[in-house]
């Protein structure tokens, strides 16, 4: 919340001192401002977590690729042992077998790495959906704050009621962010 918004809330509170019937409106605005700040923070945290998970997934895919390259190199080297003349064919056969085993090990490790990368990608999607819910809730809470403030300018309670309705929608939308799985 910026210092301008705080100053504006303070002005509204001063105005409400002169007209006690507007005190609930000022209180509603203060509560809405706090809720906007909380939901905004939750949205930023969820978006940050999505970015971090995306980076982790990219790291996993790079690790997967490194294992793939190593496995292909080992297979290639094992294949080359077939065409290279050898003085000791048993030693060459042993080397070939070792490289093929290494290649198989890399292939097995890739399966685990791939599963982890896919899991992280799912986490990215969940956190992004969560951030979207918080952002939408924040929008409705901001709208509620603005509409409620119109009550102080116009003196018409309909704006306060409309602001309360928008605020409840914003709270409900933000709350669904906790339910996203």
N, C-alpha and C. Protein backbone atom coordinates (compact mmCIF):
# COMPACT_ATOMS: atom_id res chain seq x y z
N UNK A 1 0.85 -1.16 0.00
CA UNK A 1 0.00 0.00 0.00
C UNK A 1 0.90 1.23 0.00
N UNK A 2 0.63 2.16 -0.87
CA UNK A 2 1.48 3.34 -1.01
C UNK A 2 1.14 4.38 0.05
N UNK A 3 2.03 5.34 0.21
CA UNK A 3 1.79 6.41 1.18
C UNK A 3 0.61 7.29 0.76
N UNK A 4 0.40 7.38 -0.56
CA UNK A 4 -0.76 8.15 -1.05
C UNK A 4 -2.06 7.50 -0.60
N UNK A 5 -2.14 6.18 -0.72
CA UNK A 5 -3.35 5.47 -0.31
C UNK A 5 -3.57 5.61 1.19
N UNK A 6 -2.47 5.52 1.97
CA UNK A 6 -2.59 5.69 3.43
C UNK A 6 -3.08 7.10 3.77
N UNK A 7 -2.53 8.08 3.06
CA UNK A 7 -2.95 9.47 3.30
C UNK A 7 -4.43 9.64 2.96
N UNK A 8 -4.86 9.02 1.87
CA UNK A 8 -6.25 9.11 1.46
C UNK A 8 -7.17 8.47 2.51
N UNK A 9 -6.74 7.31 3.04
CA UNK A 9 -7.54 6.66 4.09
C UNK A 9 -7.62 7.54 5.33
N UNK A 10 -6.51 8.21 5.65
CA UNK A 10 -6.50 9.11 6.80
C UNK A 10 -7.48 10.27 6.58
N UNK A 11 -7.50 10.81 5.38
CA UNK A 11 -8.44 11.89 5.06
C UNK A 11 -9.88 11.42 5.20
N UNK A 12 -10.14 10.20 4.73
CA UNK A 12 -11.50 9.66 4.85
C UNK A 12 -11.88 9.48 6.30
N UNK A 13 -10.92 9.06 7.12
CA UNK A 13 -11.19 8.88 8.54
C UNK A 13 -11.49 10.24 9.19
N UNK A 14 -10.77 11.29 8.80
CA UNK A 14 -11.02 12.63 9.31
C UNK A 14 -12.43 13.08 8.91
N UNK A 15 -12.81 12.80 7.67
CA UNK A 15 -14.13 13.16 7.18
C UNK A 15 -15.21 12.42 7.98
N UNK A 16 -14.92 11.16 8.30
CA UNK A 16 -15.90 10.35 9.05
C UNK A 16 -16.08 10.87 10.47
N UNK A 17 -15.08 11.56 11.03
CA UNK A 17 -15.20 12.14 12.37
C UNK A 17 -16.33 13.17 12.40
N UNK A 18 -16.47 13.89 11.31
CA UNK A 18 -17.48 14.94 11.24
C UNK A 18 -18.87 14.36 10.96
N UNK A 19 -18.93 13.19 10.39
CA UNK A 19 -20.20 12.54 10.11
C UNK A 19 -20.12 11.11 10.63
N UNK A 20 -20.54 10.86 11.89
CA UNK A 20 -20.41 9.53 12.50
C UNK A 20 -21.11 8.41 11.73
N UNK A 21 -22.08 8.75 10.90
CA UNK A 21 -22.77 7.70 10.15
C UNK A 21 -21.85 7.10 9.07
N UNK A 22 -20.73 7.80 8.77
CA UNK A 22 -19.79 7.29 7.77
C UNK A 22 -18.65 6.48 8.39
N UNK A 23 -18.65 6.35 9.70
CA UNK A 23 -17.59 5.59 10.38
C UNK A 23 -17.52 4.13 9.89
N UNK A 24 -18.66 3.45 9.74
CA UNK A 24 -18.57 2.06 9.23
C UNK A 24 -17.97 1.99 7.82
N UNK A 25 -18.22 3.01 7.03
CA UNK A 25 -17.66 3.04 5.67
C UNK A 25 -16.15 3.18 5.74
N UNK A 26 -15.67 4.08 6.60
CA UNK A 26 -14.22 4.26 6.76
C UNK A 26 -13.58 2.99 7.30
N UNK A 27 -14.23 2.35 8.25
CA UNK A 27 -13.71 1.09 8.79
C UNK A 27 -13.67 0.02 7.71
N UNK A 28 -14.70 -0.05 6.90
CA UNK A 28 -14.74 -1.01 5.79
C UNK A 28 -13.59 -0.76 4.84
N UNK A 29 -13.34 0.50 4.55
CA UNK A 29 -12.24 0.84 3.64
C UNK A 29 -10.90 0.42 4.22
N UNK A 30 -10.72 0.64 5.51
CA UNK A 30 -9.45 0.24 6.13
C UNK A 30 -9.28 -1.27 6.08
N UNK A 31 -10.33 -2.00 6.34
CA UNK A 31 -10.27 -3.47 6.28
C UNK A 31 -9.99 -3.93 4.85
N UNK A 32 -10.66 -3.31 3.90
CA UNK A 32 -10.42 -3.67 2.50
C UNK A 32 -8.98 -3.39 2.09
N UNK A 33 -8.42 -2.28 2.56
CA UNK A 33 -7.03 -1.95 2.22
C UNK A 33 -6.08 -3.00 2.78
N UNK A 34 -6.33 -3.45 3.99
CA UNK A 34 -5.49 -4.51 4.58
C UNK A 34 -5.63 -5.79 3.79
N UNK A 35 -6.86 -6.14 3.41
CA UNK A 35 -7.08 -7.36 2.63
C UNK A 35 -6.40 -7.28 1.26
N UNK A 36 -6.44 -6.11 0.65
CA UNK A 36 -5.75 -5.93 -0.63
C UNK A 36 -4.26 -6.22 -0.46
N UNK A 37 -3.68 -5.68 0.60
CA UNK A 37 -2.24 -5.89 0.84
C UNK A 37 -1.93 -7.37 1.06
N UNK A 38 -2.76 -8.05 1.84
CA UNK A 38 -2.53 -9.47 2.13
C UNK A 38 -2.65 -10.31 0.87
N UNK A 39 -3.72 -10.11 0.13
CA UNK A 39 -3.96 -10.90 -1.08
C UNK A 39 -2.89 -10.60 -2.14
N UNK A 40 -2.47 -9.36 -2.21
CA UNK A 40 -1.40 -8.99 -3.13
C UNK A 40 -0.12 -9.74 -2.78
N UNK A 41 0.21 -9.78 -1.52
CA UNK A 41 1.40 -10.50 -1.07
C UNK A 41 1.29 -12.00 -1.41
N UNK A 42 0.12 -12.58 -1.16
CA UNK A 42 -0.07 -13.99 -1.48
C UNK A 42 0.08 -14.25 -2.97
N UNK A 43 -0.44 -13.35 -3.78
CA UNK A 43 -0.31 -13.49 -5.23
C UNK A 43 1.14 -13.41 -5.68
N UNK A 44 1.88 -12.47 -5.10
CA UNK A 44 3.30 -12.34 -5.46
C UNK A 44 4.09 -13.57 -5.03
N UNK A 45 3.78 -14.08 -3.86
CA UNK A 45 4.48 -15.28 -3.38
C UNK A 45 4.20 -16.48 -4.27
N UNK A 46 2.95 -16.66 -4.68
CA UNK A 46 2.60 -17.78 -5.55
C UNK A 46 3.27 -17.64 -6.91
N UNK A 47 3.30 -16.43 -7.44
CA UNK A 47 3.96 -16.21 -8.73
C UNK A 47 5.45 -16.47 -8.63
N UNK A 48 6.07 -16.06 -7.54
CA UNK A 48 7.49 -16.32 -7.32
C UNK A 48 7.76 -17.81 -7.23
N UNK A 49 6.91 -18.52 -6.53
CA UNK A 49 7.07 -19.97 -6.40
C UNK A 49 6.94 -20.65 -7.77
N UNK A 50 6.03 -20.15 -8.60
CA UNK A 50 5.88 -20.70 -9.96
C UNK A 50 7.17 -20.50 -10.76
N UNK A 51 7.76 -19.32 -10.65
CA UNK A 51 9.01 -19.03 -11.37
C UNK A 51 10.14 -19.93 -10.85
N UNK A 52 10.23 -20.08 -9.54
CA UNK A 52 11.28 -20.94 -8.97
C UNK A 52 11.10 -22.40 -9.41
N UNK A 53 9.87 -22.87 -9.41
CA UNK A 53 9.62 -24.24 -9.86
C UNK A 53 9.93 -24.41 -11.34
N UNK A 54 9.66 -23.37 -12.12
CA UNK A 54 10.00 -23.43 -13.55
C UNK A 54 11.51 -23.54 -13.73
N UNK A 55 12.26 -22.79 -12.94
CA UNK A 55 13.72 -22.87 -13.01
C UNK A 55 14.21 -24.25 -12.58
N UNK A 56 13.60 -24.80 -11.54
CA UNK A 56 13.97 -26.15 -11.09
C UNK A 56 13.67 -27.19 -12.17
N UNK A 57 12.53 -27.04 -12.83
CA UNK A 57 12.17 -27.97 -13.91
C UNK A 57 13.17 -27.85 -15.05
N UNK A 58 13.55 -26.63 -15.39
CA UNK A 58 14.54 -26.43 -16.46
C UNK A 58 15.88 -27.06 -16.08
N UNK A 59 16.24 -26.94 -14.82
CA UNK A 59 17.48 -27.58 -14.35
C UNK A 59 17.40 -29.11 -14.49
N UNK A 60 16.25 -29.66 -14.15
CA UNK A 60 16.06 -31.11 -14.28
C UNK A 60 16.18 -31.54 -15.74
N UNK A 61 15.58 -30.76 -16.64
CA UNK A 61 15.66 -31.11 -18.06
C UNK A 61 17.09 -30.99 -18.57
N UNK A 62 17.84 -30.03 -18.08
CA UNK A 62 19.25 -29.92 -18.47
C UNK A 62 20.04 -31.12 -17.95
N UNK A 63 19.74 -31.53 -16.75
CA UNK A 63 20.39 -32.71 -16.16
C UNK A 63 20.03 -33.96 -16.98
N UNK A 64 18.76 -34.06 -17.38
CA UNK A 64 18.29 -35.16 -18.23
C UNK A 64 19.08 -35.18 -19.54
N UNK A 65 19.24 -34.01 -20.13
CA UNK A 65 19.96 -33.91 -21.40
C UNK A 65 21.43 -34.31 -21.22
N UNK A 66 22.03 -33.89 -20.12
CA UNK A 66 23.43 -34.25 -19.86
C UNK A 66 23.59 -35.77 -19.75
N UNK A 67 22.65 -36.40 -19.05
CA UNK A 67 22.69 -37.86 -18.93
C UNK A 67 22.50 -38.52 -20.30
N UNK A 68 21.63 -37.95 -21.11
CA UNK A 68 21.38 -38.49 -22.44
C UNK A 68 22.65 -38.41 -23.29
N UNK A 69 23.31 -37.27 -23.24
CA UNK A 69 24.55 -37.09 -24.01
C UNK A 69 25.59 -38.09 -23.55
N UNK A 70 25.74 -38.22 -22.24
CA UNK A 70 26.73 -39.18 -21.70
C UNK A 70 26.41 -40.60 -22.16
N UNK A 71 25.14 -40.96 -22.10
CA UNK A 71 24.74 -42.31 -22.53
C UNK A 71 25.03 -42.55 -23.99
N UNK A 72 24.75 -41.56 -24.83
CA UNK A 72 25.03 -41.69 -26.26
C UNK A 72 26.54 -41.78 -26.52
N UNK A 73 27.31 -41.01 -25.79
CA UNK A 73 28.76 -41.08 -25.95
C UNK A 73 29.29 -42.46 -25.57
N UNK A 74 28.76 -43.02 -24.50
CA UNK A 74 29.21 -44.35 -24.07
C UNK A 74 28.83 -45.41 -25.11
N UNK A 75 27.62 -45.30 -25.67
CA UNK A 75 27.22 -46.25 -26.72
C UNK A 75 28.11 -46.11 -27.94
N UNK A 76 28.41 -44.89 -28.32
CA UNK A 76 29.28 -44.64 -29.46
C UNK A 76 30.66 -45.23 -29.23
N UNK A 77 31.20 -44.99 -28.05
CA UNK A 77 32.52 -45.53 -27.75
C UNK A 77 32.51 -47.06 -27.75
N UNK A 78 31.44 -47.64 -27.20
CA UNK A 78 31.32 -49.10 -27.21
C UNK A 78 31.25 -49.61 -28.65
N UNK A 79 30.55 -48.91 -29.51
CA UNK A 79 30.47 -49.31 -30.92
C UNK A 79 31.82 -49.20 -31.61
N UNK A 80 32.58 -48.19 -31.25
CA UNK A 80 33.90 -48.01 -31.86
C UNK A 80 34.86 -49.13 -31.48
N UNK A 81 34.64 -49.77 -30.35
CA UNK A 81 35.53 -50.86 -29.95
C UNK A 81 35.40 -52.05 -30.90
N UNK A 82 34.29 -52.12 -31.63
CA UNK A 82 34.10 -53.21 -32.60
C UNK A 82 34.97 -53.03 -33.84
N UNK A 83 35.30 -51.80 -34.18
CA UNK A 83 36.03 -51.55 -35.42
C UNK A 83 37.52 -51.28 -35.22
N UNK A 84 37.91 -51.09 -33.98
CA UNK A 84 39.31 -50.82 -33.68
C UNK A 84 40.04 -52.15 -33.52
N UNK A 85 41.16 -52.33 -34.24
CA UNK A 85 41.92 -53.56 -34.06
C UNK A 85 42.49 -53.62 -32.64
N UNK A 86 42.40 -54.78 -32.04
CA UNK A 86 42.84 -54.91 -30.65
C UNK A 86 43.86 -56.02 -30.51
N UNK A 87 44.86 -55.72 -29.70
CA UNK A 87 45.85 -56.74 -29.40
C UNK A 87 45.30 -57.70 -28.36
N UNK A 88 44.46 -57.18 -27.47
CA UNK A 88 43.88 -57.98 -26.41
C UNK A 88 42.36 -57.87 -26.52
N UNK A 89 41.77 -58.85 -27.19
CA UNK A 89 40.33 -58.79 -27.46
C UNK A 89 39.50 -58.93 -26.19
N UNK A 90 40.01 -59.64 -25.18
CA UNK A 90 39.27 -59.76 -23.92
C UNK A 90 39.18 -58.41 -23.22
N UNK A 91 40.24 -57.66 -23.22
CA UNK A 91 40.25 -56.34 -22.58
C UNK A 91 39.31 -55.39 -23.32
N UNK A 92 39.32 -55.45 -24.65
CA UNK A 92 38.43 -54.59 -25.44
C UNK A 92 36.98 -54.98 -25.18
N UNK A 93 36.69 -56.28 -25.09
CA UNK A 93 35.33 -56.74 -24.81
C UNK A 93 34.87 -56.26 -23.43
N UNK A 94 35.77 -56.29 -22.46
CA UNK A 94 35.46 -55.82 -21.10
C UNK A 94 35.17 -54.32 -21.12
N UNK A 95 35.98 -53.56 -21.83
CA UNK A 95 35.77 -52.11 -21.94
C UNK A 95 34.42 -51.83 -22.61
N UNK A 96 34.15 -52.59 -23.69
CA UNK A 96 32.88 -52.42 -24.40
C UNK A 96 31.70 -52.70 -23.46
N UNK A 97 31.79 -53.77 -22.69
CA UNK A 97 30.73 -54.14 -21.76
C UNK A 97 30.56 -53.05 -20.68
N UNK A 98 31.65 -52.52 -20.18
CA UNK A 98 31.58 -51.46 -19.16
C UNK A 98 30.87 -50.23 -19.70
N UNK A 99 31.20 -49.85 -20.93
CA UNK A 99 30.57 -48.66 -21.51
C UNK A 99 29.09 -48.87 -21.78
N UNK A 100 28.72 -50.09 -22.18
CA UNK A 100 27.31 -50.38 -22.41
C UNK A 100 26.54 -50.37 -21.08
N UNK A 101 27.15 -50.88 -20.02
CA UNK A 101 26.50 -50.84 -18.70
C UNK A 101 26.30 -49.40 -18.24
N UNK A 102 27.30 -48.57 -18.46
CA UNK A 102 27.19 -47.15 -18.10
C UNK A 102 26.07 -46.49 -18.88
N UNK A 103 25.99 -46.81 -20.15
CA UNK A 103 24.93 -46.25 -20.99
C UNK A 103 23.55 -46.65 -20.47
N UNK A 104 23.40 -47.90 -20.06
CA UNK A 104 22.13 -48.38 -19.50
C UNK A 104 21.82 -47.68 -18.18
N UNK A 105 22.86 -47.46 -17.36
CA UNK A 105 22.67 -46.78 -16.07
C UNK A 105 22.16 -45.36 -16.31
N UNK A 106 22.74 -44.67 -17.29
CA UNK A 106 22.30 -43.32 -17.60
C UNK A 106 20.84 -43.33 -18.06
N UNK A 107 20.47 -44.32 -18.85
CA UNK A 107 19.09 -44.41 -19.33
C UNK A 107 18.12 -44.59 -18.16
N UNK A 108 18.50 -45.42 -17.19
CA UNK A 108 17.65 -45.63 -16.00
C UNK A 108 17.56 -44.34 -15.17
N UNK A 109 18.68 -43.67 -15.01
CA UNK A 109 18.68 -42.42 -14.25
C UNK A 109 17.82 -41.36 -14.93
N UNK A 110 17.81 -41.37 -16.24
CA UNK A 110 17.00 -40.41 -16.99
C UNK A 110 15.52 -40.55 -16.65
N UNK A 111 15.06 -41.77 -16.43
CA UNK A 111 13.64 -41.98 -16.11
C UNK A 111 13.27 -41.25 -14.82
N UNK A 112 14.11 -41.34 -13.80
CA UNK A 112 13.86 -40.66 -12.53
C UNK A 112 13.92 -39.14 -12.72
N UNK A 113 14.90 -38.69 -13.47
CA UNK A 113 15.06 -37.25 -13.70
C UNK A 113 13.86 -36.71 -14.46
N UNK A 114 13.40 -37.45 -15.46
CA UNK A 114 12.24 -37.03 -16.25
C UNK A 114 11.00 -36.95 -15.37
N UNK A 115 10.80 -37.93 -14.50
CA UNK A 115 9.64 -37.92 -13.61
C UNK A 115 9.67 -36.70 -12.69
N UNK A 116 10.85 -36.39 -12.17
CA UNK A 116 11.00 -35.22 -11.30
C UNK A 116 10.71 -33.93 -12.08
N UNK A 117 11.18 -33.84 -13.31
CA UNK A 117 10.95 -32.65 -14.14
C UNK A 117 9.45 -32.47 -14.42
N UNK A 118 8.77 -33.58 -14.72
CA UNK A 118 7.33 -33.50 -14.96
C UNK A 118 6.58 -33.08 -13.70
N UNK A 119 7.01 -33.57 -12.56
CA UNK A 119 6.40 -33.20 -11.28
C UNK A 119 6.56 -31.69 -11.02
N UNK A 120 7.75 -31.19 -11.29
CA UNK A 120 7.99 -29.76 -11.11
C UNK A 120 7.17 -28.93 -12.08
N UNK A 121 6.99 -29.42 -13.30
CA UNK A 121 6.15 -28.70 -14.26
C UNK A 121 4.70 -28.64 -13.78
N UNK A 122 4.23 -29.72 -13.15
CA UNK A 122 2.87 -29.70 -12.58
C UNK A 122 2.78 -28.68 -11.45
N UNK A 123 3.83 -28.61 -10.63
CA UNK A 123 3.87 -27.63 -9.54
C UNK A 123 3.83 -26.21 -10.09
N UNK A 124 4.48 -25.98 -11.21
CA UNK A 124 4.46 -24.66 -11.85
C UNK A 124 3.02 -24.30 -12.20
N UNK A 125 2.32 -25.23 -12.82
CA UNK A 125 0.94 -24.98 -13.24
C UNK A 125 0.04 -24.69 -12.03
N UNK A 126 0.23 -25.45 -10.95
CA UNK A 126 -0.58 -25.24 -9.75
C UNK A 126 -0.32 -23.85 -9.17
N UNK A 127 0.95 -23.50 -9.03
CA UNK A 127 1.29 -22.19 -8.45
C UNK A 127 0.81 -21.05 -9.35
N UNK A 128 0.84 -21.26 -10.65
CA UNK A 128 0.35 -20.22 -11.56
C UNK A 128 -1.15 -20.04 -11.42
N UNK A 129 -1.88 -21.15 -11.30
CA UNK A 129 -3.33 -21.05 -11.09
C UNK A 129 -3.63 -20.38 -9.76
N UNK A 130 -2.85 -20.72 -8.73
CA UNK A 130 -3.02 -20.11 -7.41
C UNK A 130 -2.77 -18.59 -7.50
N UNK A 131 -1.69 -18.21 -8.17
CA UNK A 131 -1.38 -16.78 -8.33
C UNK A 131 -2.50 -16.06 -9.08
N UNK A 132 -3.05 -16.72 -10.11
CA UNK A 132 -4.14 -16.12 -10.87
C UNK A 132 -5.36 -15.87 -9.98
N UNK A 133 -5.67 -16.82 -9.11
CA UNK A 133 -6.82 -16.65 -8.20
C UNK A 133 -6.58 -15.48 -7.24
N UNK A 134 -5.37 -15.43 -6.68
CA UNK A 134 -5.06 -14.32 -5.77
C UNK A 134 -5.11 -12.99 -6.50
N UNK A 135 -4.60 -12.95 -7.71
CA UNK A 135 -4.63 -11.70 -8.49
C UNK A 135 -6.05 -11.26 -8.78
N UNK A 136 -6.91 -12.20 -9.15
CA UNK A 136 -8.30 -11.86 -9.42
C UNK A 136 -9.00 -11.38 -8.15
N UNK A 137 -8.72 -12.06 -7.04
CA UNK A 137 -9.27 -11.61 -5.75
C UNK A 137 -8.80 -10.21 -5.42
N UNK A 138 -7.54 -9.93 -5.68
CA UNK A 138 -6.99 -8.59 -5.44
C UNK A 138 -7.71 -7.54 -6.27
N UNK A 139 -7.98 -7.85 -7.52
CA UNK A 139 -8.68 -6.91 -8.39
C UNK A 139 -10.06 -6.56 -7.81
N UNK A 140 -10.80 -7.58 -7.38
CA UNK A 140 -12.13 -7.32 -6.84
C UNK A 140 -12.05 -6.55 -5.52
N UNK A 141 -11.04 -6.82 -4.71
CA UNK A 141 -10.88 -6.08 -3.46
C UNK A 141 -10.52 -4.62 -3.75
N UNK A 142 -9.71 -4.37 -4.75
CA UNK A 142 -9.37 -3.00 -5.13
C UNK A 142 -10.61 -2.27 -5.64
N UNK A 143 -11.39 -2.96 -6.45
CA UNK A 143 -12.65 -2.37 -6.95
C UNK A 143 -13.56 -2.06 -5.78
N UNK A 144 -13.64 -2.98 -4.83
CA UNK A 144 -14.48 -2.77 -3.64
C UNK A 144 -14.03 -1.54 -2.87
N UNK A 145 -12.73 -1.37 -2.73
CA UNK A 145 -12.19 -0.21 -2.01
C UNK A 145 -12.56 1.09 -2.71
N UNK A 146 -12.46 1.11 -4.03
CA UNK A 146 -12.79 2.32 -4.78
C UNK A 146 -14.29 2.62 -4.70
N UNK A 147 -15.09 1.59 -4.90
CA UNK A 147 -16.55 1.80 -4.87
C UNK A 147 -16.98 2.25 -3.47
N UNK A 148 -16.41 1.64 -2.44
CA UNK A 148 -16.75 2.03 -1.07
C UNK A 148 -16.38 3.48 -0.81
N UNK A 149 -15.25 3.92 -1.35
CA UNK A 149 -14.84 5.31 -1.13
C UNK A 149 -15.80 6.30 -1.77
N UNK A 150 -16.51 5.87 -2.80
CA UNK A 150 -17.50 6.75 -3.43
C UNK A 150 -18.60 7.12 -2.44
N UNK A 151 -18.85 6.24 -1.47
CA UNK A 151 -19.84 6.52 -0.44
C UNK A 151 -19.49 7.79 0.31
N UNK A 152 -18.21 7.96 0.61
CA UNK A 152 -17.78 9.15 1.34
C UNK A 152 -17.97 10.42 0.51
N UNK A 153 -17.82 10.29 -0.78
CA UNK A 153 -17.98 11.46 -1.65
C UNK A 153 -19.45 11.78 -1.92
N UNK A 154 -20.23 10.73 -2.11
CA UNK A 154 -21.62 10.95 -2.50
C UNK A 154 -22.59 10.90 -1.32
N UNK A 155 -22.20 10.22 -0.26
CA UNK A 155 -23.12 10.06 0.88
C UNK A 155 -24.18 9.01 0.63
N UNK A 156 -24.13 8.33 -0.50
CA UNK A 156 -25.14 7.31 -0.84
C UNK A 156 -24.65 5.95 -0.39
N UNK A 157 -25.44 5.29 0.42
CA UNK A 157 -25.08 3.99 1.01
C UNK A 157 -25.04 2.85 -0.01
N UNK A 158 -25.68 3.04 -1.13
CA UNK A 158 -25.69 1.99 -2.15
C UNK A 158 -24.27 1.64 -2.58
N UNK A 159 -23.39 2.63 -2.61
CA UNK A 159 -22.00 2.37 -2.99
C UNK A 159 -21.28 1.55 -1.92
N UNK A 160 -21.63 1.80 -0.66
CA UNK A 160 -21.03 1.02 0.43
C UNK A 160 -21.46 -0.44 0.30
N UNK A 161 -22.75 -0.66 0.06
CA UNK A 161 -23.27 -2.02 -0.09
C UNK A 161 -22.66 -2.72 -1.31
N UNK A 162 -22.54 -1.98 -2.39
CA UNK A 162 -21.93 -2.55 -3.60
C UNK A 162 -20.45 -2.87 -3.33
N UNK A 163 -19.77 -1.99 -2.61
CA UNK A 163 -18.37 -2.23 -2.24
C UNK A 163 -18.24 -3.47 -1.36
N UNK A 164 -19.17 -3.63 -0.42
CA UNK A 164 -19.15 -4.83 0.43
C UNK A 164 -19.34 -6.10 -0.40
N UNK A 165 -20.26 -6.03 -1.36
CA UNK A 165 -20.48 -7.18 -2.25
C UNK A 165 -19.22 -7.52 -3.04
N UNK A 166 -18.61 -6.49 -3.64
CA UNK A 166 -17.38 -6.73 -4.40
C UNK A 166 -16.27 -7.25 -3.50
N UNK A 167 -16.21 -6.75 -2.29
CA UNK A 167 -15.21 -7.22 -1.33
C UNK A 167 -15.41 -8.69 -0.99
N UNK A 168 -16.66 -9.09 -0.81
CA UNK A 168 -16.93 -10.51 -0.52
C UNK A 168 -16.55 -11.39 -1.70
N UNK A 169 -16.82 -10.91 -2.89
CA UNK A 169 -16.41 -11.67 -4.09
C UNK A 169 -14.89 -11.79 -4.13
N UNK A 170 -14.20 -10.70 -3.85
CA UNK A 170 -12.74 -10.71 -3.84
C UNK A 170 -12.19 -11.66 -2.80
N UNK A 171 -12.78 -11.65 -1.61
CA UNK A 171 -12.33 -12.56 -0.55
C UNK A 171 -12.57 -14.01 -0.97
N UNK A 172 -13.73 -14.28 -1.55
CA UNK A 172 -14.05 -15.65 -1.97
C UNK A 172 -13.08 -16.11 -3.06
N UNK A 173 -12.80 -15.25 -4.01
CA UNK A 173 -11.86 -15.62 -5.09
C UNK A 173 -10.46 -15.87 -4.52
N UNK A 174 -10.03 -15.00 -3.63
CA UNK A 174 -8.70 -15.18 -3.03
C UNK A 174 -8.67 -16.46 -2.21
N UNK A 175 -9.75 -16.77 -1.50
CA UNK A 175 -9.79 -17.99 -0.68
C UNK A 175 -9.67 -19.24 -1.54
N UNK A 176 -10.20 -19.17 -2.78
CA UNK A 176 -10.09 -20.35 -3.65
C UNK A 176 -8.63 -20.62 -4.04
N UNK A 177 -7.79 -19.61 -3.90
CA UNK A 177 -6.35 -19.80 -4.17
C UNK A 177 -5.74 -20.84 -3.25
N UNK A 178 -6.28 -20.96 -2.03
CA UNK A 178 -5.78 -21.95 -1.08
C UNK A 178 -6.28 -23.35 -1.42
N UNK A 179 -7.32 -23.44 -2.24
CA UNK A 179 -7.90 -24.74 -2.58
C UNK A 179 -7.32 -25.34 -3.85
N UNK A 180 -6.55 -24.57 -4.58
CA UNK A 180 -5.97 -25.04 -5.85
C UNK A 180 -4.96 -26.13 -5.55
N UNK A 181 -5.09 -27.24 -6.22
CA UNK A 181 -4.16 -28.37 -6.04
C UNK A 181 -3.67 -28.85 -7.37
